[in-house]
Structures are given as C-alpha cells and as structure tokens.
Protein backbone atom coordinates (compact mmCIF):
# COMPACT_ATOMS: atom_id res chain seq x y z
CA MET A 1 -8.46 -4.97 -11.85
CA GLY A 2 -10.72 -5.36 -8.35
CA LEU A 3 -11.50 -3.42 -5.12
CA GLU A 4 -8.31 -5.09 -3.23
CA PRO A 5 -5.39 -2.97 -4.91
CA ALA A 6 -7.57 0.15 -4.69
CA LEU A 7 -8.40 -0.51 -0.98
CA ALA A 8 -4.51 -1.02 -0.29
CA GLY A 9 -3.80 1.96 -2.10
CA LEU A 10 -6.08 4.16 0.00
CA VAL A 11 -4.57 2.80 2.96
CA VAL A 12 -1.15 3.65 1.92
CA LEU A 13 -2.41 7.11 0.91
CA VAL A 14 -4.03 7.72 4.49
CA GLY A 15 -0.85 6.47 6.15
CA ILE A 16 1.26 9.15 4.10
CA GLY A 17 -1.09 11.65 5.08
CA LEU A 18 -1.20 11.03 8.80
CA THR A 19 2.72 10.62 8.68
CA SER A 20 3.23 14.24 6.86
CA PHE A 21 0.48 15.55 9.08
CA GLY A 22 2.51 14.35 12.01
CA ALA A 23 5.72 15.49 10.76
CA PHE A 24 4.40 18.88 10.35
CA THR A 25 2.64 19.55 13.27
CA HIS A 26 4.98 17.46 15.24
CA THR A 27 2.46 15.13 16.67
CA ALA A 28 3.89 11.88 17.01
CA THR A 29 0.50 10.42 17.80
CA ALA A 30 -0.03 11.07 14.37
CA MET A 31 3.02 10.06 12.73
CA ALA A 32 3.49 6.40 14.34
CA PRO A 33 0.17 5.08 13.05
CA GLY A 34 0.59 6.73 9.67
CA ALA A 35 3.98 4.93 9.24
CA ALA A 36 2.49 1.77 10.42
CA LEU A 37 -0.53 2.38 7.62
CA ALA A 38 1.77 2.98 5.08
CA LEU A 39 3.90 0.09 5.56
CA PHE A 40 1.04 -2.10 5.87
CA GLY A 41 -0.91 -0.91 3.26
CA GLY A 42 2.35 -0.89 0.79
CA GLY A 43 3.19 -4.56 1.73
CA TRP A 44 -0.70 -5.36 0.82
CA LEU A 45 -0.85 -3.57 -2.20
CA GLY A 46 2.47 -5.29 -3.67
CA ASN A 47 1.17 -8.47 -2.89
CA SER A 48 -2.29 -7.89 -4.04
CA LEU A 49 -0.77 -6.69 -7.46
CA ALA A 50 1.59 -9.44 -7.70
CA ARG A 51 -1.26 -11.72 -7.36
CA VAL A 52 -3.43 -10.28 -10.07
CA TYR A 53 -0.70 -9.81 -12.31
CA ALA A 54 0.45 -13.58 -11.84
CA ARG A 55 -3.20 -14.32 -12.92
CA VAL A 56 -3.20 -12.17 -15.92
CA ARG A 57 0.01 -13.35 -17.60
CA PRO A 58 0.47 -16.42 -19.34
CA PRO A 59 3.18 -18.60 -18.26
CA ALA A 60 6.34 -17.87 -20.21
CA ARG A 61 7.57 -20.11 -23.09
CA SER A 62 10.74 -21.85 -22.50
CA GLY A 63 13.13 -22.28 -25.82
C-alpha cells in the first residue's frame, strides 16, 4: 500500500494515546496536542486511503 497510510495511522494512534493520557492524568498540555494530532492524522489517513483506493480500482462501467 505504501508508507503514507502507515505514517498517517501512526499519527492518529499517537494522538489518541496523548489524548487518553491527558484525560486520565488531567493534563491539558497533553490533551490538546493529542486531539489535534488525532484530527489531523485522521484526515490525512482518509485522504491517503482514498487516493490509493482510487488508483487501484478500475472505473465502473455504466449500463
């Protein structure tokens, strides 16, 4: 598939981990960047998977 979706997934997981750590320890300095990383990484992951899927699938036939 490629390196980009894996890297984007890693960014999402780091963001989720930071957000969870910040929520459990009541540390806003860990929660805010974690939420931003999860949001950014999720968009990046969706975008990269959509580009990969669009390249792999042939166009649908009409009719």
